[in-house]
């Protein structure tokens, strides 16, 4: 871990990104329904790296099983488990609607959900995957943010009343933040 710290790319070594600008909320009428859905995924290069690593792990497993006359056949489940864990972090569906924010892996688990009544505001931020979160996938930053990080760049940041703030790297994060802010604002308006 210490050696990894020194090979991180230059940049902000903190955990917070730089907020681009305040996002104006979308004006929503009472009873009006709106939702925003995007899929975000890792780059093709990252996919090939993981495929190569899984191929090496599989080759080592096969060799070990043959060399031990099959005594450790159960060890073959290790590359399968590693592959499933990695695949669960490759692509995510991000949804903003009247229920709040939901980030779901394409495999169905894990799921990060922030109910609308827990959202205080949403912003657009810039994220550096390695220097701020230590890598890709679902991450816990040092200041208590949960990050669903598939790349560096534009990200939606959701601030919560209770619990950890959530950051997800996704295209068109400004539209998601505007809708979420509009939904929060409509929820807080007093009833006539």
Protein backbone atom coordinates (compact mmCIF):
# COMPACT_ATOMS: atom_id res chain seq x y z
CA UNK A 1 0.00 0.00 0.00
CA UNK A 2 2.82 2.39 0.83
CA UNK A 3 4.55 1.68 -2.49
CA UNK A 4 1.23 2.16 -4.28
CA UNK A 5 0.84 5.59 -2.74
CA UNK A 6 4.09 6.76 -4.34
CA UNK A 7 3.17 5.55 -7.84
CA UNK A 8 -0.17 7.35 -7.88
CA UNK A 9 -0.44 9.92 -10.66
CA UNK A 10 0.20 13.53 -9.72
CA UNK A 11 -2.82 15.54 -8.72
CA UNK A 12 -4.94 16.15 -5.71
CA UNK A 13 -4.20 13.42 -3.21
CA UNK A 14 -7.31 14.22 -1.21
CA UNK A 15 -10.62 12.49 -1.58
CA UNK A 16 -12.92 15.30 -2.60
CA UNK A 17 -13.19 16.36 -6.20
CA UNK A 18 -13.45 19.87 -7.47
CA UNK A 19 -17.05 20.97 -7.79
CA UNK A 20 -17.59 22.40 -11.29
CA UNK A 21 -20.52 24.70 -10.65
CA UNK A 22 -23.70 24.87 -8.68
CA UNK A 23 -26.45 23.01 -10.52
CA UNK A 24 -29.82 24.73 -10.79
CA UNK A 25 -32.76 22.49 -9.96
CA UNK A 26 -35.24 21.43 -12.63
CA UNK A 27 -38.65 23.02 -12.01
CA UNK A 28 -41.19 20.25 -11.47
CA UNK A 29 -44.93 20.70 -10.98
CA UNK A 30 -46.82 18.76 -8.33
CA UNK A 31 -47.54 15.28 -9.59
CA UNK A 32 -45.13 15.62 -12.55
CA UNK A 33 -42.97 12.52 -13.00
CA UNK A 34 -39.44 12.58 -14.29
CA UNK A 35 -36.54 10.14 -14.34
CA UNK A 36 -32.96 10.06 -15.61
CA UNK A 37 -31.18 6.81 -16.45
CA UNK A 38 -27.65 6.20 -17.73
CA UNK A 39 -25.29 3.25 -17.89
CA UNK A 40 -21.65 3.80 -17.08
CA UNK A 41 -18.85 1.29 -17.64
CA UNK A 42 -15.10 0.87 -17.59
CA UNK A 43 -12.97 1.32 -20.70
CA UNK A 44 -12.21 -1.49 -23.13
CA UNK A 45 -8.55 -1.41 -22.05
CA UNK A 46 -9.54 -2.20 -18.48
CA UNK A 47 -11.65 -5.12 -19.69
CA UNK A 48 -8.64 -6.59 -21.52
CA UNK A 49 -6.41 -6.19 -18.46
CA UNK A 50 -8.91 -8.08 -16.30
CA UNK A 51 -9.34 -10.80 -18.94
CA UNK A 52 -5.55 -11.25 -19.04
CA UNK A 53 -5.29 -11.44 -15.23
CA UNK A 54 -8.15 -13.98 -15.09
CA UNK A 55 -6.46 -16.04 -17.81
CA UNK A 56 -3.22 -16.14 -15.81
CA UNK A 57 -5.07 -17.08 -12.61
CA UNK A 58 -6.93 -19.83 -14.50
CA UNK A 59 -3.69 -21.19 -15.98
CA UNK A 60 -2.07 -21.29 -12.53
CA UNK A 61 -5.14 -23.03 -11.12
CA UNK A 62 -5.14 -25.68 -13.86
CA UNK A 63 -1.41 -26.27 -13.45
CA UNK A 64 -1.78 -26.55 -9.65
CA UNK A 65 -4.66 -29.01 -9.98
CA UNK A 66 -2.69 -31.23 -12.39
CA UNK A 67 0.52 -31.02 -10.32
CA UNK A 68 -1.29 -32.11 -7.14
CA UNK A 69 -3.16 -34.98 -8.85
CA UNK A 70 -6.48 -33.21 -8.38
CA UNK A 71 -6.25 -32.89 -4.60
CA UNK A 72 -6.94 -29.17 -4.80
CA UNK A 73 -9.65 -29.21 -7.48
CA UNK A 74 -11.80 -26.88 -5.35
CA UNK A 75 -9.16 -24.18 -5.90
CA UNK A 76 -10.64 -23.78 -9.40
CA UNK A 77 -13.43 -21.72 -7.83
CA UNK A 78 -10.98 -18.92 -6.98
CA UNK A 79 -10.72 -17.49 -10.53
CA UNK A 80 -14.49 -17.82 -10.94
CA UNK A 81 -15.05 -15.88 -7.73
CA UNK A 82 -12.49 -13.22 -8.71
CA UNK A 83 -14.10 -12.87 -12.13
CA UNK A 84 -17.60 -12.44 -10.64
CA UNK A 85 -16.41 -9.80 -8.18
CA UNK A 86 -14.63 -7.89 -10.93
CA UNK A 87 -17.53 -8.18 -13.39
CA UNK A 88 -19.90 -6.79 -10.77
CA UNK A 89 -17.87 -3.57 -10.84
CA UNK A 90 -17.53 -3.19 -14.63
CA UNK A 91 -20.84 -1.57 -15.52
CA UNK A 92 -23.52 0.22 -13.52
CA UNK A 93 -26.99 1.59 -14.18
CA UNK A 94 -27.56 4.96 -12.54
CA UNK A 95 -31.17 6.08 -12.01
CA UNK A 96 -32.59 9.29 -10.57
CA UNK A 97 -36.35 9.50 -9.99
CA UNK A 98 -38.88 10.31 -7.27
CA UNK A 99 -37.46 7.47 -5.15
CA UNK A 100 -33.99 9.08 -5.10
CA UNK A 101 -30.71 7.77 -6.49
CA UNK A 102 -30.16 4.10 -7.30
CA UNK A 103 -26.88 2.73 -8.62
CA UNK A 104 -27.06 -0.94 -9.57
CA UNK A 105 -24.38 -3.22 -10.96
CA UNK A 106 -25.32 -4.93 -14.22
CA UNK A 107 -25.14 -8.23 -12.32
CA UNK A 108 -27.81 -6.95 -9.93
CA UNK A 109 -25.57 -6.68 -6.87
CA UNK A 110 -24.22 -4.57 -5.31
CA UNK A 111 -26.79 -1.77 -5.18
CA UNK A 112 -26.26 1.70 -3.73
CA UNK A 113 -29.54 3.46 -2.90
CA UNK A 114 -30.04 6.95 -1.52
CA UNK A 115 -33.73 7.61 -0.76
CA UNK A 116 -35.01 11.05 -1.82
CA UNK A 117 -35.81 12.05 1.76
CA UNK A 118 -32.13 11.54 2.65
CA UNK A 119 -30.78 13.76 -0.17
CA UNK A 120 -29.83 17.32 0.76
CA UNK A 121 -28.35 18.33 -2.61
CA UNK A 122 -26.50 17.10 -5.68
CA UNK A 123 -23.49 18.54 -7.51
CA UNK A 124 -21.27 17.76 -10.46
CA UNK A 125 -17.64 17.13 -9.57
CA UNK A 126 -14.43 16.02 -11.26
CA UNK A 127 -12.93 12.77 -9.98
CA UNK A 128 -9.43 11.33 -10.33
CA UNK A 129 -9.95 7.59 -9.86
CA UNK A 130 -6.49 6.62 -8.65
CA UNK A 131 -5.42 9.63 -6.65
CA UNK A 132 -8.76 10.27 -4.91
CA UNK A 133 -10.29 6.80 -4.59
CA UNK A 134 -7.35 4.45 -5.06
CA UNK A 135 -8.80 2.68 -8.09
CA UNK A 136 -11.97 1.63 -9.84
CA UNK A 137 -15.15 -0.08 -8.73
CA UNK A 138 -17.15 0.55 -5.60
CA UNK A 139 -14.82 2.41 -3.26
CA UNK A 140 -14.83 3.93 0.20
CA UNK A 141 -12.87 7.17 0.28
CA UNK A 142 -10.88 8.26 3.31
CA UNK A 143 -13.30 11.05 4.21
CA UNK A 144 -16.29 8.72 4.28
CA UNK A 145 -17.67 9.05 0.75
CA UNK A 146 -18.85 6.02 -1.15
CA UNK A 147 -17.69 6.09 -4.75
CA UNK A 148 -18.82 4.06 -7.72
CA UNK A 149 -15.81 4.85 -9.87
CA UNK A 150 -15.44 3.45 -13.39
CA UNK A 151 -13.18 6.19 -14.80
CA UNK A 152 -11.74 9.59 -14.04
CA UNK A 153 -13.72 12.66 -15.01
CA UNK A 154 -17.27 13.94 -14.60
CA UNK A 155 -19.20 12.57 -11.64
CA UNK A 156 -22.48 13.06 -9.80
CA UNK A 157 -22.02 13.80 -6.09
CA UNK A 158 -25.04 13.36 -3.80
CA UNK A 159 -24.96 14.84 -0.31
CA UNK A 160 -27.01 13.04 2.35
CA UNK A 161 -28.61 14.02 5.66
CA UNK A 162 -27.37 10.88 7.37
CA UNK A 163 -24.80 8.44 6.14
CA UNK A 164 -22.08 8.72 3.57
CA UNK A 165 -22.16 11.03 0.55
CA UNK A 166 -22.23 9.14 -2.76
CA UNK A 167 -20.14 9.86 -5.87
CA UNK A 168 -20.65 8.08 -9.20
CA UNK A 169 -18.74 8.74 -12.41
CA UNK A 170 -21.30 9.05 -15.18
CA UNK A 171 -21.85 11.09 -18.34
CA UNK A 172 -24.35 13.96 -18.22
CA UNK A 173 -24.06 14.21 -14.45
CA UNK A 174 -25.36 17.79 -14.60
CA UNK A 175 -28.79 16.62 -15.80
CA UNK A 176 -28.93 14.03 -13.02
CA UNK A 177 -27.93 16.62 -10.40
CA UNK A 178 -30.47 19.15 -11.71
CA UNK A 179 -33.29 16.59 -11.61
CA UNK A 180 -32.33 15.37 -8.15
CA UNK A 181 -32.15 18.95 -6.85
CA UNK A 182 -35.56 19.66 -8.43
CA UNK A 183 -37.08 16.59 -6.81
CA UNK A 184 -35.63 17.54 -3.42
CA UNK A 185 -36.86 21.13 -3.77
CA UNK A 186 -40.40 19.99 -4.69
CA UNK A 187 -40.43 17.58 -1.74
CA UNK A 188 -39.57 20.38 0.69
CA UNK A 189 -42.13 22.89 -0.54
CA UNK A 190 -44.95 23.32 2.00
CA UNK A 191 -48.32 22.03 0.92
CA UNK A 192 -51.02 24.73 0.31
